[in-house]
């Protein structure tokens, strides 16, 4: 018995150790999972979202690559202005099986074979080429500027996409709060109706009506959660975050913004929109193309310097008397005068392209005016909704106070009291949604004026 009793603590210690070996890793794993889950939730401000999106945008990285390529092409055009040079060294061996030539009574005998080394160094420079090199450099410079403006347009679009997703997520999260509030309110009404049914004060149909209302609210909640997941995922991708990150929106506090006349916004758009700057650059590019084509009909003047090494010995190492080294300096004048009659149709086509750029600019001007006006009116409408909803909140608040007083005096039912609270809460959320709509409408107007990132 004694031996058996002494073994009990030993067995308990062994069991405890085994339990701890399992418990401690499990606890650590739980803590790690909790920390990871916590790390997946992130509250983010609009400024943080825009900065993240711009820093991680693959579209902007591609735009930068296009700029780099345009700059490279511009540098290549500049290189074409530099002199061209070349060097070569050749060895030739000739076998002459029939090596005799007879001229009447005289016969010339050639060797059976001959060796020759020929080295050439040349340097060529175009003195005048009708301005073609200068026009090529100007054209590539204009295309580089267009590429930079393309990058600015892409940046504005990325910024707006982030703002749009940010506000949409905020609106969905606010709408989910309404659903949660409505569910709490309808649950109170269901409980009360069931008590009244048990007391014989209402029919079963009244209870079913509240239950059906709750089901409809739950369906709305399912739709909102699906939309939240889609918007949240898309925003994660835009910001370069892990796709499982659950984003929470910091409270949106929109400052009061003064509204200028419509003409001010249109004037700002005309002076700031990158599309108009691009249209001007494309017009200049078309004009440069016309000059470049016209340059084809002008003569070109070039200078060249060449040095030769001619060695007729079999040994490539120079030996006195076996080689010559002539040096030539020359000027060359060329004129392809056929361009006088072949260029006219090319010039006509280039002029048509220039006219197209001017027409496209006018079309873009009309489109921008319509876009700015529409966004301006939408922003004014959003501000009017805010004023109206502020009035409705005051009305809902007054109604809530009246029903609260009646409920305390047993004049109003709990259902009426809950409905009044729900109406007030709904009005407050609607105001938040209207502010979000106004904020998004303002950024939409800002984007149409070309001032979103300025």
Protein backbone atom coordinates (compact mmCIF):
# COMPACT_ATOMS: atom_id res chain seq x y z
CA UNK A 1 0.00 0.00 0.00
CA UNK A 2 2.80 2.37 0.94
CA UNK A 3 4.58 1.82 -2.34
CA UNK A 4 1.35 2.38 -4.25
CA UNK A 5 0.67 5.67 -2.40
CA UNK A 6 4.17 6.93 -3.10
CA UNK A 7 3.63 6.36 -6.83
CA UNK A 8 0.52 8.56 -6.93
CA UNK A 9 2.36 11.92 -6.84
CA UNK A 10 4.82 10.66 -9.44
CA UNK A 11 2.01 9.67 -11.77
CA UNK A 12 0.28 13.01 -11.20
CA UNK A 13 3.49 14.91 -11.94
CA UNK A 14 3.96 12.95 -15.14
CA UNK A 15 0.37 13.69 -16.20
CA UNK A 16 0.76 17.35 -15.32
CA UNK A 17 3.96 17.63 -17.36
CA UNK A 18 2.28 16.00 -20.34
CA UNK A 19 -0.67 18.37 -19.98
CA UNK A 20 1.62 21.40 -19.82
CA UNK A 21 3.54 20.21 -22.90
CA UNK A 22 0.26 20.29 -24.80
CA UNK A 23 -1.23 23.36 -23.14
CA UNK A 24 1.70 25.78 -23.54
CA UNK A 25 2.14 25.35 -27.34
CA UNK A 26 -1.63 25.53 -27.76
CA UNK A 27 -1.76 28.74 -25.74
CA UNK A 28 1.09 30.24 -27.74
CA UNK A 29 -0.61 29.25 -30.98
CA UNK A 30 -3.84 30.86 -29.79
CA UNK A 31 -2.02 34.09 -28.93
CA UNK A 32 -0.28 34.12 -32.31
CA UNK A 33 -3.55 33.53 -34.14
CA UNK A 34 -5.21 36.27 -32.12
CA UNK A 35 -2.37 38.65 -32.91
CA UNK A 36 -2.55 37.73 -36.59
CA UNK A 37 -6.31 38.23 -36.61
CA UNK A 38 -5.87 41.59 -34.92
CA UNK A 39 -3.21 42.55 -37.46
CA UNK A 40 -5.71 41.87 -40.27
CA UNK A 41 -8.00 44.68 -39.03
CA UNK A 42 -6.90 48.17 -40.01
CA UNK A 43 -8.47 51.57 -39.58
CA UNK A 44 -7.30 53.88 -42.30
CA UNK A 45 -7.75 57.55 -43.17
CA UNK A 46 -8.36 58.86 -46.67
CA UNK A 47 -4.92 60.50 -46.91
CA UNK A 48 -3.24 57.24 -45.84
CA UNK A 49 -5.24 55.30 -48.42
CA UNK A 50 -4.29 57.69 -51.24
CA UNK A 51 -0.59 57.58 -50.31
CA UNK A 52 -0.59 53.78 -50.11
CA UNK A 53 -2.42 53.46 -53.41
CA UNK A 54 -0.08 55.79 -55.28
CA UNK A 55 3.05 54.17 -53.79
CA UNK A 56 1.91 50.65 -54.70
CA UNK A 57 0.10 51.27 -57.98
CA UNK A 58 1.23 48.97 -60.77
CA UNK A 59 -0.43 51.29 -63.29
CA UNK A 60 1.76 54.19 -62.19
CA UNK A 61 4.84 52.00 -62.33
CA UNK A 62 3.92 51.15 -65.93
CA UNK A 63 3.39 54.85 -66.64
CA UNK A 64 6.87 55.60 -65.30
CA UNK A 65 8.26 52.88 -67.55
CA UNK A 66 6.64 54.58 -70.55
CA UNK A 67 8.21 57.88 -69.51
CA UNK A 68 11.62 56.23 -69.21
CA UNK A 69 11.22 54.72 -72.67
CA UNK A 70 10.23 58.10 -74.15
CA UNK A 71 13.26 59.74 -72.51
CA UNK A 72 15.47 57.00 -73.92
CA UNK A 73 14.08 57.64 -77.42
CA UNK A 74 14.71 61.35 -76.95
CA UNK A 75 18.33 60.66 -75.97
CA UNK A 76 18.71 58.44 -79.03
CA UNK A 77 17.47 61.30 -81.23
CA UNK A 78 20.07 63.57 -79.62
CA UNK A 79 22.76 60.96 -80.32
CA UNK A 80 21.94 61.09 -84.02
CA UNK A 81 23.32 64.63 -84.11
CA UNK A 82 26.78 63.34 -83.18
CA UNK A 83 29.32 62.34 -85.88
CA UNK A 84 29.29 58.74 -87.02
CA UNK A 85 32.54 56.80 -87.16
CA UNK A 86 33.70 53.32 -88.13
CA UNK A 87 36.88 51.29 -88.29
CA UNK A 88 37.60 48.09 -90.20
CA UNK A 89 40.57 45.86 -91.01
CA UNK A 90 40.39 43.19 -93.72
CA UNK A 91 42.75 40.53 -95.07
CA UNK A 92 42.39 39.28 -98.64
CA UNK A 93 44.28 36.55 -100.46
CA UNK A 94 43.94 36.09 -104.21
CA UNK A 95 44.84 32.89 -106.12
CA UNK A 96 45.50 33.52 -109.84
CA UNK A 97 45.76 30.20 -111.76
CA UNK A 98 45.74 31.94 -115.19
CA UNK A 99 48.27 34.66 -114.50
CA UNK A 100 49.45 35.74 -117.99
CA UNK A 101 48.01 38.41 -120.26
CA UNK A 102 49.25 38.83 -123.85
CA UNK A 103 49.12 42.28 -125.48
CA UNK A 104 50.45 41.72 -129.01
CA UNK A 105 54.10 40.91 -128.65
CA UNK A 106 54.14 41.77 -124.97
CA UNK A 107 53.10 39.45 -122.18
CA UNK A 108 52.32 40.45 -118.63
CA UNK A 109 52.86 37.82 -116.01
CA UNK A 110 51.10 38.10 -112.63
CA UNK A 111 52.02 36.16 -109.50
CA UNK A 112 50.23 32.90 -108.79
CA UNK A 113 48.87 34.44 -105.55
CA UNK A 114 48.74 37.79 -103.80
CA UNK A 115 48.03 39.03 -100.25
CA UNK A 116 46.57 42.34 -99.17
CA UNK A 117 45.65 43.97 -95.87
CA UNK A 118 43.19 46.87 -95.91
CA UNK A 119 42.43 49.04 -92.89
CA UNK A 120 39.93 51.92 -92.97
CA UNK A 121 39.07 54.55 -90.32
CA UNK A 122 36.33 57.02 -91.23
CA UNK A 123 34.47 59.86 -89.50
CA UNK A 124 31.32 61.43 -91.03
CA UNK A 125 29.39 64.50 -89.97
CA UNK A 126 26.22 65.98 -91.48
CA UNK A 127 26.72 69.72 -91.78
CA UNK A 128 23.26 70.51 -93.13
CA UNK A 129 20.40 68.06 -93.50
CA UNK A 130 17.44 70.36 -93.94
CA UNK A 131 16.80 70.34 -90.18
CA UNK A 132 15.70 66.67 -90.11
CA UNK A 133 17.84 65.83 -87.05
CA UNK A 134 16.55 68.86 -85.17
CA UNK A 135 12.94 68.01 -86.03
CA UNK A 136 13.47 64.40 -84.94
CA UNK A 137 14.77 65.63 -81.59
CA UNK A 138 11.83 68.02 -81.18
CA UNK A 139 9.34 65.25 -82.01
CA UNK A 140 10.71 62.83 -79.44
CA UNK A 141 10.84 65.64 -76.86
CA UNK A 142 7.14 66.34 -77.47
CA UNK A 143 6.30 62.63 -77.13
CA UNK A 144 8.20 62.55 -73.84
CA UNK A 145 6.06 65.41 -72.54
CA UNK A 146 2.90 63.59 -73.66
CA UNK A 147 4.04 60.47 -71.75
CA UNK A 148 4.53 62.54 -68.60
CA UNK A 149 1.03 63.97 -68.94
CA UNK A 150 -0.31 60.43 -69.42
CA UNK A 151 1.29 59.53 -66.09
CA UNK A 152 -0.42 62.52 -64.44
CA UNK A 153 -3.78 61.41 -65.85
CA UNK A 154 -3.18 57.87 -64.55
CA UNK A 155 -2.29 59.27 -61.13
CA UNK A 156 -5.52 61.28 -61.01
CA UNK A 157 -7.55 58.22 -62.00
CA UNK A 158 -5.86 56.00 -59.40
CA UNK A 159 -6.45 58.66 -56.72
CA UNK A 160 -10.11 58.97 -57.68
CA UNK A 161 -10.61 55.19 -57.72
CA UNK A 162 -9.22 55.03 -54.17
CA UNK A 163 -11.44 57.90 -52.99
CA UNK A 164 -14.49 56.31 -54.62
CA UNK A 165 -13.84 52.90 -53.02
CA UNK A 166 -13.08 54.54 -49.66
CA UNK A 167 -16.39 56.44 -49.57
CA UNK A 168 -18.36 53.45 -50.84
CA UNK A 169 -16.93 51.28 -48.07
CA UNK A 170 -17.83 53.96 -45.53
CA UNK A 171 -21.41 54.09 -46.82
CA UNK A 172 -21.77 50.30 -46.64
CA UNK A 173 -20.42 50.23 -43.08
CA UNK A 174 -22.87 52.99 -42.07
CA UNK A 175 -25.74 51.11 -43.71
CA UNK A 176 -24.80 47.98 -41.78
CA UNK A 177 -25.19 50.00 -38.57
CA UNK A 178 -28.74 50.83 -39.63
CA UNK A 179 -29.44 47.14 -40.20
CA UNK A 180 -28.07 46.25 -36.75
CA UNK A 181 -30.15 48.99 -35.12
CA UNK A 182 -33.29 47.88 -36.99
CA UNK A 183 -32.72 44.27 -35.93
CA UNK A 184 -32.47 45.30 -32.28
CA UNK A 185 -35.63 47.36 -32.62
CA UNK A 186 -37.62 44.64 -34.42
CA UNK A 187 -36.50 42.03 -31.86
CA UNK A 188 -38.04 44.20 -29.13
CA UNK A 189 -41.23 44.47 -31.15
CA UNK A 190 -41.36 40.70 -31.71
CA UNK A 191 -40.96 40.02 -27.98
CA UNK A 192 -43.68 42.49 -27.11
CA UNK A 193 -46.06 41.17 -29.79
CA UNK A 194 -45.54 37.63 -28.54
CA UNK A 195 -46.43 38.72 -25.01
CA UNK A 196 -49.52 40.51 -26.33
CA UNK A 197 -50.45 37.40 -28.34
CA UNK A 198 -50.18 35.25 -25.24
CA UNK A 199 -52.45 37.73 -23.45
CA UNK A 200 -54.87 37.67 -26.37
CA UNK A 201 -54.37 41.34 -27.24
CA UNK A 202 -53.07 40.77 -30.81
CA UNK A 203 -53.47 38.07 -33.42
CA UNK A 204 -50.86 35.61 -34.65
CA UNK A 205 -50.75 37.55 -37.91
CA UNK A 206 -49.36 40.58 -36.06
CA UNK A 207 -46.52 38.46 -34.71
CA UNK A 208 -45.82 37.00 -38.17
CA UNK A 209 -45.75 40.50 -39.67
CA UNK A 210 -42.91 41.52 -37.36
CA UNK A 211 -41.05 38.25 -38.03
CA UNK A 212 -41.38 38.77 -41.80
CA UNK A 213 -40.07 42.30 -41.37
CA UNK A 214 -37.05 40.92 -39.53
CA UNK A 215 -36.34 38.44 -42.35
CA UNK A 216 -36.40 41.27 -44.91
CA UNK A 217 -33.97 43.27 -42.80
CA UNK A 218 -31.66 40.24 -42.54
CA UNK A 219 -31.74 39.83 -46.34
CA UNK A 220 -30.74 43.46 -46.70
CA UNK A 221 -27.91 42.81 -44.25
CA UNK A 222 -26.68 39.86 -46.35
CA UNK A 223 -26.58 42.05 -49.47
CA UNK A 224 -24.68 44.76 -47.60
CA UNK A 225 -22.12 42.28 -46.26
CA UNK A 226 -21.55 40.91 -49.77
CA UNK A 227 -21.00 44.44 -51.08
CA UNK A 228 -18.67 45.19 -48.16
CA UNK A 229 -16.52 42.16 -48.94
CA UNK A 230 -16.28 43.10 -52.63
CA UNK A 231 -15.42 46.76 -51.96
CA UNK A 232 -13.01 45.82 -49.15
CA UNK A 233 -11.17 43.34 -51.39
CA UNK A 234 -10.92 45.79 -54.29
CA UNK A 235 -9.63 48.50 -51.97
CA UNK A 236 -7.02 46.10 -50.52
CA UNK A 237 -5.80 45.43 -54.05
CA UNK A 238 -5.71 49.14 -54.90
CA UNK A 239 -3.68 49.91 -51.76
CA UNK A 240 -1.30 46.96 -52.16
CA UNK A 241 -2.44 45.40 -48.86
CA UNK A 242 -3.00 41.75 -48.05
CA UNK A 243 -6.37 40.79 -49.55
CA UNK A 244 -7.55 39.44 -46.18
CA UNK A 245 -7.13 42.81 -44.45
CA UNK A 246 -10.45 44.01 -43.03
CA UNK A 247 -10.55 47.78 -43.44
CA UNK A 248 -12.33 50.14 -41.10
CA UNK A 249 -12.93 53.69 -42.20
CA UNK A 250 -11.96 56.54 -39.93
CA UNK A 251 -14.79 58.96 -39.31
CA UNK A 252 -15.25 61.20 -42.31
CA UNK A 253 -15.26 64.84 -41.28
CA UNK A 254 -15.99 66.98 -44.30
CA UNK A 255 -15.14 70.64 -43.78
CA UNK A 256 -17.52 73.29 -45.07
CA UNK A 257 -16.50 74.17 -48.60
CA UNK A 258 -17.56 77.34 -50.34
CA UNK A 259 -19.04 76.84 -53.78
CA UNK A 260 -17.71 79.10 -56.54
CA UNK A 261 -19.68 79.93 -59.71
CA UNK A 262 -19.74 77.27 -62.41
CA UNK A 263 -17.66 79.43 -64.78
CA UNK A 264 -14.75 79.35 -62.31
CA UNK A 265 -14.63 75.55 -62.37
CA UNK A 266 -14.83 75.45 -66.18
CA UNK A 267 -12.00 77.98 -66.49
CA UNK A 268 -9.91 75.94 -64.05
CA UNK A 269 -10.56 72.77 -66.07
CA UNK A 270 -9.53 74.45 -69.33
CA UNK A 271 -6.27 75.68 -67.81
CA UNK A 272 -5.45 72.57 -65.75
CA UNK A 273 -6.75 69.47 -67.51
CA UNK A 274 -3.89 67.39 -68.87
CA UNK A 275 -5.94 66.44 -71.94
CA UNK A 276 -5.78 70.02 -73.25
CA UNK A 277 -2.04 70.18 -72.66
CA UNK A 278 -1.68 66.90 -74.53
CA UNK A 279 -3.78 68.25 -77.41
CA UNK A 280 -1.46 71.26 -77.70
CA UNK A 281 1.59 68.98 -77.69
CA UNK A 282 0.08 66.73 -80.36
CA UNK A 283 -0.62 69.80 -82.50
CA UNK A 284 3.03 70.85 -82.16
CA UNK A 285 4.07 67.29 -82.98
CA UNK A 286 1.94 67.38 -86.14
CA UNK A 287 3.48 70.71 -87.16
CA UNK A 288 6.97 69.31 -86.58
CA UNK A 289 6.09 66.31 -88.76
CA UNK A 290 5.13 68.69 -91.57
CA UNK A 291 8.49 70.46 -91.31
CA UNK A 292 10.29 67.11 -91.20
CA UNK A 293 8.62 65.99 -94.44
CA UNK A 294 9.36 69.32 -96.11
CA UNK A 295 13.03 68.86 -95.16
CA UNK A 296 13.16 65.82 -97.48
CA UNK A 297 13.18 68.14 -100.51
CA UNK A 298 16.26 70.09 -99.39
CA UNK A 299 19.87 69.14 -100.22
CA UNK A 300 22.10 67.67 -97.54
CA UNK A 301 25.74 68.55 -97.02
CA UNK A 302 28.13 66.27 -95.21
CA UNK A 303 31.83 66.13 -94.39
CA UNK A 304 33.99 63.03 -94.04
CA UNK A 305 37.52 62.16 -93.02
CA UNK A 306 38.92 58.73 -93.88
CA UNK A 307 42.28 57.09 -93.37
CA UNK A 308 43.43 53.92 -95.18
CA UNK A 309 46.15 51.35 -94.58
CA UNK A 310 46.93 49.20 -97.63
CA UNK A 311 49.59 46.51 -97.23
CA UNK A 312 50.34 44.08 -100.09
CA UNK A 313 52.76 41.89 -98.14
CA UNK A 314 51.82 38.59 -96.59
CA UNK A 315 52.96 39.87 -93.20
CA UNK A 316 50.37 42.03 -91.37
CA UNK A 317 53.18 43.82 -89.53
CA UNK A 318 53.99 46.99 -91.51
CA UNK A 319 57.33 47.05 -93.32
CA UNK A 320 58.77 50.03 -95.11
CA UNK A 321 57.90 50.02 -98.78
CA UNK A 322 55.14 47.39 -98.51
CA UNK A 323 52.19 49.61 -97.55
CA UNK A 324 50.60 52.97 -98.20
CA UNK A 325 48.43 55.14 -95.90
CA UNK A 326 46.28 57.55 -97.91
CA UNK A 327 44.11 60.03 -95.95
CA UNK A 328 41.07 61.61 -97.58
CA UNK A 329 39.00 64.63 -96.58
CA UNK A 330 35.82 65.25 -98.45
CA UNK A 331 32.57 67.21 -98.67
CA UNK A 332 29.47 65.59 -100.07
CA UNK A 333 26.37 67.34 -101.38
CA UNK A 334 23.27 65.24 -102.07
CA UNK A 335 19.86 66.27 -103.30
CA UNK A 336 17.01 63.89 -103.84
CA UNK A 337 15.05 66.27 -106.06
CA UNK A 338 12.34 63.68 -106.71
CA UNK A 339 10.98 64.71 -103.28
CA UNK A 340 9.81 67.91 -104.97
CA UNK A 341 6.89 65.98 -106.50
CA UNK A 342 6.62 63.00 -104.12
CA UNK A 343 6.36 65.04 -100.91
CA UNK A 344 3.20 66.99 -101.66
CA UNK A 345 0.79 64.18 -100.74
CA UNK A 346 2.77 63.36 -97.61
CA UNK A 347 2.58 66.98 -96.55
CA UNK A 348 -1.16 67.04 -97.28
CA UNK A 349 -1.66 64.00 -95.03
CA UNK A 350 0.40 65.58 -92.23
CA UNK A 351 -1.69 68.77 -92.46
CA UNK A 352 -4.88 66.70 -92.18
CA UNK A 353 -3.49 65.07 -89.04
CA UNK A 354 -2.76 68.52 -87.61
CA UNK A 355 -6.35 69.60 -88.30
CA UNK A 356 -7.61 66.44 -86.61
CA UNK A 357 -5.72 67.35 -83.43
CA UNK A 358 -7.38 70.77 -83.42
CA UNK A 359 -10.84 69.25 -83.97
CA UNK A 360 -10.22 66.67 -81.21
CA UNK A 361 -9.26 69.46 -78.82
CA UNK A 362 -12.54 71.26 -79.49
CA UNK A 363 -14.46 68.00 -78.97
CA UNK A 364 -12.60 67.46 -75.69
CA UNK A 365 -13.43 71.03 -74.66
CA UNK A 366 -17.16 70.40 -75.13
CA UNK A 367 -16.95 67.10 -73.25
CA UNK A 368 -15.10 68.67 -70.32
CA UNK A 369 -17.62 71.52 -70.08
CA UNK A 370 -20.49 69.03 -69.89
CA UNK A 371 -18.58 66.89 -67.38
CA UNK A 372 -17.78 69.83 -65.09
CA UNK A 373 -21.35 71.14 -65.25
CA UNK A 374 -22.82 67.72 -64.38
CA UNK A 375 -20.43 67.24 -61.46
CA UNK A 376 -21.09 70.80 -60.28
CA UNK A 377 -24.87 70.26 -60.25
CA UNK A 378 -24.46 66.88 -58.50
CA UNK A 379 -22.39 68.55 -55.78
CA UNK A 380 -25.00 71.29 -55.25
CA UNK A 381 -27.69 68.61 -55.06
CA UNK A 382 -25.69 66.71 -52.43
CA UNK A 383 -25.34 69.88 -50.34
CA UNK A 384 -29.10 70.50 -50.58
CA UNK A 385 -29.76 66.94 -49.37
CA UNK A 386 -27.58 67.58 -46.33
CA UNK A 387 -29.60 70.67 -45.42
CA UNK A 388 -32.87 68.76 -45.85
CA UNK A 389 -31.64 65.82 -43.76
CA UNK A 390 -30.49 68.15 -40.99
CA UNK A 391 -34.08 69.42 -40.83
CA UNK A 392 -35.41 65.83 -40.80
CA UNK A 393 -33.11 65.01 -37.87
CA UNK A 394 -34.59 67.89 -35.91
CA UNK A 395 -38.10 66.62 -36.73
CA UNK A 396 -37.20 63.02 -35.85
CA UNK A 397 -35.61 64.19 -32.61
CA UNK A 398 -38.71 66.15 -31.64
CA UNK A 399 -40.92 63.16 -32.51
CA UNK A 400 -38.71 60.90 -30.40
CA UNK A 401 -39.02 63.24 -27.39
CA UNK A 402 -42.82 63.35 -27.72
CA UNK A 403 -43.16 59.55 -27.94
CA UNK A 404 -40.72 59.09 -25.08
CA UNK A 405 -42.93 61.33 -22.94
CA UNK A 406 -46.09 59.52 -24.08
CA UNK A 407 -44.51 56.13 -23.41
CA UNK A 408 -43.62 57.17 -19.87
CA UNK A 409 -47.25 58.27 -19.43
CA UNK A 410 -48.53 54.94 -20.88
CA UNK A 411 -50.14 56.80 -23.77
CA UNK A 412 -47.85 55.32 -26.51
CA UNK A 413 -46.86 51.68 -26.94
CA UNK A 414 -43.35 50.29 -26.79
CA UNK A 415 -43.62 49.67 -30.51
CA UNK A 416 -44.29 53.35 -31.20
CA UNK A 417 -41.43 54.27 -28.88
CA UNK A 418 -39.01 51.88 -30.67
CA UNK A 419 -40.17 53.13 -34.09
CA UNK A 420 -39.43 56.72 -33.07
CA UNK A 421 -35.92 55.77 -31.96
CA UNK A 422 -35.35 53.89 -35.20
CA UNK A 423 -36.53 56.87 -37.26
CA UNK A 424 -34.15 59.17 -35.42
CA UNK A 425 -31.24 56.76 -35.85
CA UNK A 426 -32.11 56.27 -39.53
CA UNK A 427 -32.15 60.05 -40.06
CA UNK A 428 -28.75 60.40 -38.37
CA UNK A 429 -27.23 57.66 -40.56
CA UNK A 430 -28.85 59.14 -43.68
CA UNK A 431 -27.12 62.42 -42.83
CA UNK A 432 -23.77 60.62 -42.60
CA UNK A 433 -24.43 58.93 -45.94
CA UNK A 434 -25.39 62.27 -47.48
CA UNK A 435 -22.15 63.82 -46.20
CA UNK A 436 -20.24 60.94 -47.77
CA UNK A 437 -22.10 61.48 -51.06
CA UNK A 438 -21.28 65.19 -50.89
CA UNK A 439 -17.62 64.45 -50.19
CA UNK A 440 -17.40 62.07 -53.13
CA UNK A 441 -19.27 64.56 -55.34
CA UNK A 442 -16.75 67.24 -54.37
CA UNK A 443 -13.78 65.03 -55.29
CA UNK A 444 -15.52 64.13 -58.55
CA UNK A 445 -15.88 67.83 -59.34
CA UNK A 446 -12.25 68.38 -58.36
CA UNK A 447 -11.11 65.59 -60.69
CA UNK A 448 -13.04 67.07 -63.61
CA UNK A 449 -11.22 70.40 -63.10
CA UNK A 450 -7.80 68.70 -63.16
CA UNK A 451 -7.02 69.72 -59.57
CA UNK A 452 -7.40 66.40 -57.76
CA UNK A 453 -3.68 65.99 -56.99
CA UNK A 454 -2.78 69.69 -56.92
